[in-house]
Amino acid sequence: MKYGLGAVAAIVVIVAIVIAVPSSSGSNGEGELAQDFEFEMFQGIKEIGFGEGNPASLHGLGSKPMVLNFWAGFCPPSRDAPVPSVLRGFQRRYPVAGH
C-alpha cells in the first residue's frame, strides 16, 4: 500500500472534524463569506464555468458552498494524496473544483 494507515486515518479524522464543527455550533449552517482571492485553475475549469488560463476569484464562484482542492504542482505527495475518495464524498453535496 502506497500510503500507511496513519495517513488514511488522519484524513478521516480531519474530514470528521470539518463535518462535525459546523453542525455542533447550533446555527443554521450559514456563516460569513470568505474574503475574496484569486487563483489559477489547472483542473475543474469546466465544472465551474471559467475559461482556461483565466484566473478565478472566490467570489466569482457564487455564494453557494464549494470545495476547492488546493495542491502544489511541484509536490508529488500533495498531488498523489488519497484525496479523490474524500472529494467523492463531498461531491454528493457540493460542487468540487480542482479534482
N, C-alpha and C. Protein backbone atom coordinates (compact mmCIF):
# COMPACT_ATOMS: atom_id res chain seq x y z
N MET A 1 0.86 -1.18 0.00
CA MET A 1 0.00 0.00 0.00
C MET A 1 0.90 1.23 0.00
N LYS A 2 0.56 2.18 -0.86
CA LYS A 2 1.40 3.37 -1.03
C LYS A 2 1.35 4.27 0.20
N TYR A 3 0.19 4.38 0.82
CA TYR A 3 0.03 5.25 1.98
C TYR A 3 -0.27 4.38 3.19
N GLY A 4 0.29 4.74 4.31
CA GLY A 4 0.06 3.98 5.52
C GLY A 4 -1.31 4.24 6.10
N LEU A 5 -1.69 3.39 7.01
CA LEU A 5 -2.98 3.55 7.67
C LEU A 5 -3.04 4.86 8.45
N GLY A 6 -1.90 5.33 8.92
CA GLY A 6 -1.87 6.59 9.65
C GLY A 6 -2.31 7.76 8.79
N ALA A 7 -1.88 7.79 7.54
CA ALA A 7 -2.27 8.87 6.63
C ALA A 7 -3.76 8.82 6.34
N VAL A 8 -4.27 7.62 6.10
CA VAL A 8 -5.71 7.48 5.84
C VAL A 8 -6.51 7.85 7.07
N ALA A 9 -6.06 7.41 8.25
CA ALA A 9 -6.76 7.75 9.49
C ALA A 9 -6.75 9.26 9.73
N ALA A 10 -5.63 9.92 9.42
CA ALA A 10 -5.56 11.37 9.61
C ALA A 10 -6.56 12.09 8.72
N ILE A 11 -6.70 11.65 7.48
CA ILE A 11 -7.66 12.28 6.58
C ILE A 11 -9.08 12.06 7.07
N VAL A 12 -9.38 10.86 7.54
CA VAL A 12 -10.72 10.57 8.06
C VAL A 12 -11.03 11.46 9.26
N VAL A 13 -10.06 11.64 10.16
CA VAL A 13 -10.27 12.49 11.34
C VAL A 13 -10.50 13.94 10.91
N ILE A 14 -9.71 14.43 9.97
CA ILE A 14 -9.86 15.82 9.51
C ILE A 14 -11.24 16.02 8.89
N VAL A 15 -11.67 15.10 8.04
CA VAL A 15 -12.99 15.22 7.42
C VAL A 15 -14.08 15.18 8.48
N ALA A 16 -13.95 14.30 9.47
CA ALA A 16 -14.95 14.21 10.53
C ALA A 16 -15.03 15.52 11.32
N ILE A 17 -13.89 16.13 11.59
CA ILE A 17 -13.89 17.40 12.32
C ILE A 17 -14.53 18.49 11.48
N VAL A 18 -14.19 18.55 10.20
CA VAL A 18 -14.76 19.57 9.31
C VAL A 18 -16.28 19.44 9.24
N ILE A 19 -16.77 18.22 9.21
CA ILE A 19 -18.21 18.00 9.13
C ILE A 19 -18.88 18.27 10.48
N ALA A 20 -18.24 17.89 11.58
CA ALA A 20 -18.85 18.00 12.90
C ALA A 20 -18.86 19.42 13.45
N VAL A 21 -17.83 20.19 13.20
CA VAL A 21 -17.73 21.53 13.81
C VAL A 21 -18.89 22.43 13.41
N PRO A 22 -19.22 22.59 12.13
CA PRO A 22 -20.36 23.46 11.80
C PRO A 22 -21.68 22.94 12.36
N SER A 23 -21.86 21.62 12.39
CA SER A 23 -23.14 21.09 12.86
C SER A 23 -23.27 21.19 14.37
N SER A 24 -22.16 21.32 15.10
CA SER A 24 -22.26 21.41 16.55
C SER A 24 -22.36 22.86 17.04
N SER A 25 -22.32 23.82 16.13
CA SER A 25 -22.34 25.22 16.54
C SER A 25 -23.72 25.70 16.93
N GLY A 26 -24.76 24.95 16.58
CA GLY A 26 -26.11 25.35 16.93
C GLY A 26 -26.71 26.34 15.96
N SER A 27 -25.99 26.70 14.91
CA SER A 27 -26.53 27.65 13.94
C SER A 27 -27.21 26.89 12.82
N ASN A 28 -27.75 27.63 11.88
CA ASN A 28 -28.42 27.00 10.75
C ASN A 28 -27.44 26.63 9.64
N GLY A 29 -26.15 26.75 9.90
CA GLY A 29 -25.15 26.39 8.91
C GLY A 29 -24.65 27.55 8.08
N GLU A 30 -25.31 28.69 8.17
CA GLU A 30 -24.86 29.85 7.40
C GLU A 30 -23.76 30.57 8.16
N GLY A 31 -22.80 31.02 7.44
CA GLY A 31 -21.71 31.77 8.04
C GLY A 31 -21.41 32.99 7.20
N GLU A 32 -20.28 33.59 7.47
CA GLU A 32 -19.87 34.75 6.71
C GLU A 32 -19.17 34.29 5.43
N LEU A 33 -19.22 35.14 4.41
CA LEU A 33 -18.50 34.84 3.18
C LEU A 33 -17.00 34.97 3.43
N ALA A 34 -16.24 34.10 2.82
CA ALA A 34 -14.79 34.18 2.93
C ALA A 34 -14.30 35.41 2.18
N GLN A 35 -13.12 35.89 2.56
CA GLN A 35 -12.53 37.01 1.84
C GLN A 35 -12.21 36.58 0.41
N ASP A 36 -12.36 37.49 -0.52
CA ASP A 36 -12.12 37.17 -1.92
C ASP A 36 -10.62 37.01 -2.18
N PHE A 37 -10.28 36.09 -3.04
CA PHE A 37 -8.91 35.94 -3.51
C PHE A 37 -8.95 35.31 -4.89
N GLU A 38 -7.87 35.51 -5.65
CA GLU A 38 -7.78 34.96 -7.00
C GLU A 38 -6.86 33.75 -7.00
N PHE A 39 -7.14 32.82 -7.90
CA PHE A 39 -6.31 31.63 -8.04
C PHE A 39 -6.42 31.16 -9.48
N GLU A 40 -5.43 30.40 -9.91
CA GLU A 40 -5.44 29.86 -11.27
C GLU A 40 -5.87 28.40 -11.22
N MET A 41 -6.82 28.08 -12.07
CA MET A 41 -7.35 26.72 -12.09
C MET A 41 -6.54 25.86 -13.06
N PHE A 42 -6.14 24.69 -12.62
CA PHE A 42 -5.50 23.72 -13.50
C PHE A 42 -6.49 22.65 -13.93
N GLN A 43 -7.39 22.30 -13.04
CA GLN A 43 -8.45 21.34 -13.33
C GLN A 43 -9.72 21.88 -12.71
N GLY A 44 -10.85 21.48 -13.24
CA GLY A 44 -12.11 21.92 -12.68
C GLY A 44 -12.67 23.16 -13.34
N ILE A 45 -11.99 23.65 -14.39
CA ILE A 45 -12.43 24.88 -15.05
C ILE A 45 -13.82 24.72 -15.63
N LYS A 46 -14.06 23.63 -16.34
CA LYS A 46 -15.36 23.42 -16.98
C LYS A 46 -16.46 23.26 -15.94
N GLU A 47 -16.14 22.63 -14.82
CA GLU A 47 -17.15 22.38 -13.80
C GLU A 47 -17.72 23.66 -13.21
N ILE A 48 -16.90 24.71 -13.14
CA ILE A 48 -17.38 25.94 -12.52
C ILE A 48 -17.52 27.09 -13.51
N GLY A 49 -17.23 26.85 -14.80
CA GLY A 49 -17.54 27.82 -15.84
C GLY A 49 -16.50 28.88 -16.11
N PHE A 50 -15.26 28.72 -15.72
CA PHE A 50 -14.23 29.70 -16.02
C PHE A 50 -13.48 29.28 -17.28
N GLY A 51 -13.02 30.28 -18.05
CA GLY A 51 -12.24 29.99 -19.25
C GLY A 51 -10.84 29.55 -18.89
N GLU A 52 -10.27 28.68 -19.70
CA GLU A 52 -8.94 28.16 -19.42
C GLU A 52 -7.91 29.28 -19.47
N GLY A 53 -7.01 29.29 -18.50
CA GLY A 53 -5.95 30.28 -18.44
C GLY A 53 -6.34 31.57 -17.75
N ASN A 54 -7.62 31.77 -17.49
CA ASN A 54 -8.06 32.97 -16.79
C ASN A 54 -8.06 32.72 -15.29
N PRO A 55 -7.59 33.69 -14.52
CA PRO A 55 -7.65 33.49 -13.08
C PRO A 55 -9.10 33.49 -12.60
N ALA A 56 -9.37 32.72 -11.60
CA ALA A 56 -10.70 32.68 -11.00
C ALA A 56 -10.64 33.41 -9.67
N SER A 57 -11.77 33.89 -9.20
CA SER A 57 -11.82 34.50 -7.88
C SER A 57 -12.85 33.76 -7.05
N LEU A 58 -12.65 33.76 -5.75
CA LEU A 58 -13.56 33.05 -4.86
C LEU A 58 -14.97 33.59 -4.99
N HIS A 59 -15.13 34.90 -4.97
CA HIS A 59 -16.48 35.47 -5.06
C HIS A 59 -17.09 35.27 -6.44
N GLY A 60 -16.25 35.08 -7.46
CA GLY A 60 -16.76 34.80 -8.79
C GLY A 60 -17.42 33.43 -8.90
N LEU A 61 -17.19 32.58 -7.92
CA LEU A 61 -17.79 31.25 -7.92
C LEU A 61 -19.22 31.28 -7.43
N GLY A 62 -19.65 32.38 -6.86
CA GLY A 62 -21.02 32.47 -6.35
C GLY A 62 -21.05 32.30 -4.84
N SER A 63 -22.25 32.31 -4.29
CA SER A 63 -22.38 32.25 -2.84
C SER A 63 -22.72 30.86 -2.33
N LYS A 64 -22.76 29.87 -3.20
CA LYS A 64 -23.05 28.50 -2.77
C LYS A 64 -21.80 27.88 -2.16
N PRO A 65 -21.96 26.96 -1.23
CA PRO A 65 -20.79 26.26 -0.69
C PRO A 65 -20.07 25.50 -1.79
N MET A 66 -18.75 25.46 -1.71
CA MET A 66 -17.96 24.76 -2.71
C MET A 66 -16.69 24.26 -2.05
N VAL A 67 -16.19 23.13 -2.51
CA VAL A 67 -14.93 22.59 -2.04
C VAL A 67 -13.87 22.90 -3.09
N LEU A 68 -12.81 23.60 -2.67
CA LEU A 68 -11.68 23.87 -3.55
C LEU A 68 -10.53 22.98 -3.10
N ASN A 69 -10.01 22.17 -4.00
CA ASN A 69 -8.91 21.28 -3.69
C ASN A 69 -7.61 21.96 -4.11
N PHE A 70 -6.88 22.50 -3.13
CA PHE A 70 -5.61 23.17 -3.40
C PHE A 70 -4.47 22.17 -3.26
N TRP A 71 -3.55 22.19 -4.20
CA TRP A 71 -2.36 21.37 -4.10
C TRP A 71 -1.24 22.05 -4.87
N ALA A 72 -0.02 21.68 -4.55
CA ALA A 72 1.15 22.26 -5.20
C ALA A 72 1.60 21.32 -6.32
N GLY A 73 1.67 21.83 -7.54
CA GLY A 73 2.05 21.02 -8.68
C GLY A 73 3.46 20.45 -8.59
N PHE A 74 4.32 21.09 -7.82
CA PHE A 74 5.70 20.63 -7.69
C PHE A 74 5.88 19.62 -6.56
N CYS A 75 4.81 19.28 -5.87
CA CYS A 75 4.89 18.43 -4.68
C CYS A 75 4.18 17.10 -4.93
N PRO A 76 4.92 16.04 -5.31
CA PRO A 76 4.27 14.76 -5.59
C PRO A 76 3.37 14.24 -4.46
N PRO A 77 3.76 14.34 -3.18
CA PRO A 77 2.85 13.83 -2.15
C PRO A 77 1.49 14.55 -2.13
N SER A 78 1.48 15.85 -2.42
CA SER A 78 0.19 16.54 -2.40
C SER A 78 -0.64 16.21 -3.63
N ARG A 79 0.02 15.95 -4.76
CA ARG A 79 -0.70 15.55 -5.97
C ARG A 79 -1.24 14.13 -5.85
N ASP A 80 -0.49 13.27 -5.18
CA ASP A 80 -0.82 11.85 -5.13
C ASP A 80 -1.53 11.44 -3.85
N ALA A 81 -1.85 12.39 -2.99
CA ALA A 81 -2.50 12.06 -1.72
C ALA A 81 -3.84 11.38 -1.97
N PRO A 82 -4.32 10.60 -1.02
CA PRO A 82 -5.58 9.88 -1.22
C PRO A 82 -6.80 10.79 -1.09
N VAL A 83 -6.76 11.93 -1.75
CA VAL A 83 -7.84 12.91 -1.67
C VAL A 83 -9.05 12.55 -2.54
N PRO A 84 -8.89 11.86 -3.67
CA PRO A 84 -10.06 11.59 -4.51
C PRO A 84 -11.22 10.94 -3.78
N SER A 85 -10.94 10.00 -2.88
CA SER A 85 -12.04 9.36 -2.16
C SER A 85 -12.74 10.34 -1.23
N VAL A 86 -11.99 11.26 -0.65
CA VAL A 86 -12.59 12.28 0.21
C VAL A 86 -13.44 13.23 -0.63
N LEU A 87 -12.91 13.65 -1.80
CA LEU A 87 -13.65 14.56 -2.66
C LEU A 87 -14.93 13.93 -3.19
N ARG A 88 -14.91 12.63 -3.47
CA ARG A 88 -16.14 11.96 -3.93
C ARG A 88 -17.24 12.08 -2.88
N GLY A 89 -16.87 12.02 -1.61
CA GLY A 89 -17.86 12.20 -0.55
C GLY A 89 -18.45 13.60 -0.56
N PHE A 90 -17.62 14.60 -0.78
CA PHE A 90 -18.11 15.98 -0.84
C PHE A 90 -18.95 16.22 -2.08
N GLN A 91 -18.63 15.56 -3.20
CA GLN A 91 -19.36 15.78 -4.45
C GLN A 91 -20.83 15.44 -4.34
N ARG A 92 -21.18 14.64 -3.38
CA ARG A 92 -22.60 14.31 -3.20
C ARG A 92 -23.41 15.52 -2.75
N ARG A 93 -22.74 16.49 -2.10
CA ARG A 93 -23.47 17.64 -1.56
C ARG A 93 -23.05 18.98 -2.15
N TYR A 94 -21.79 19.09 -2.62
CA TYR A 94 -21.26 20.38 -3.06
C TYR A 94 -20.52 20.23 -4.38
N PRO A 95 -20.46 21.32 -5.17
CA PRO A 95 -19.57 21.30 -6.35
C PRO A 95 -18.12 21.23 -5.88
N VAL A 96 -17.29 20.50 -6.58
CA VAL A 96 -15.87 20.37 -6.24
C VAL A 96 -15.06 20.85 -7.42
N ALA A 97 -14.16 21.81 -7.20
CA ALA A 97 -13.29 22.32 -8.26
C ALA A 97 -11.86 21.95 -7.92
N GLY A 98 -11.10 21.59 -8.93
CA GLY A 98 -9.69 21.26 -8.74
C GLY A 98 -9.45 19.80 -8.46
N HIS A 99 -10.34 18.93 -8.87
CA HIS A 99 -10.16 17.50 -8.63
C HIS A 99 -9.59 16.82 -9.83
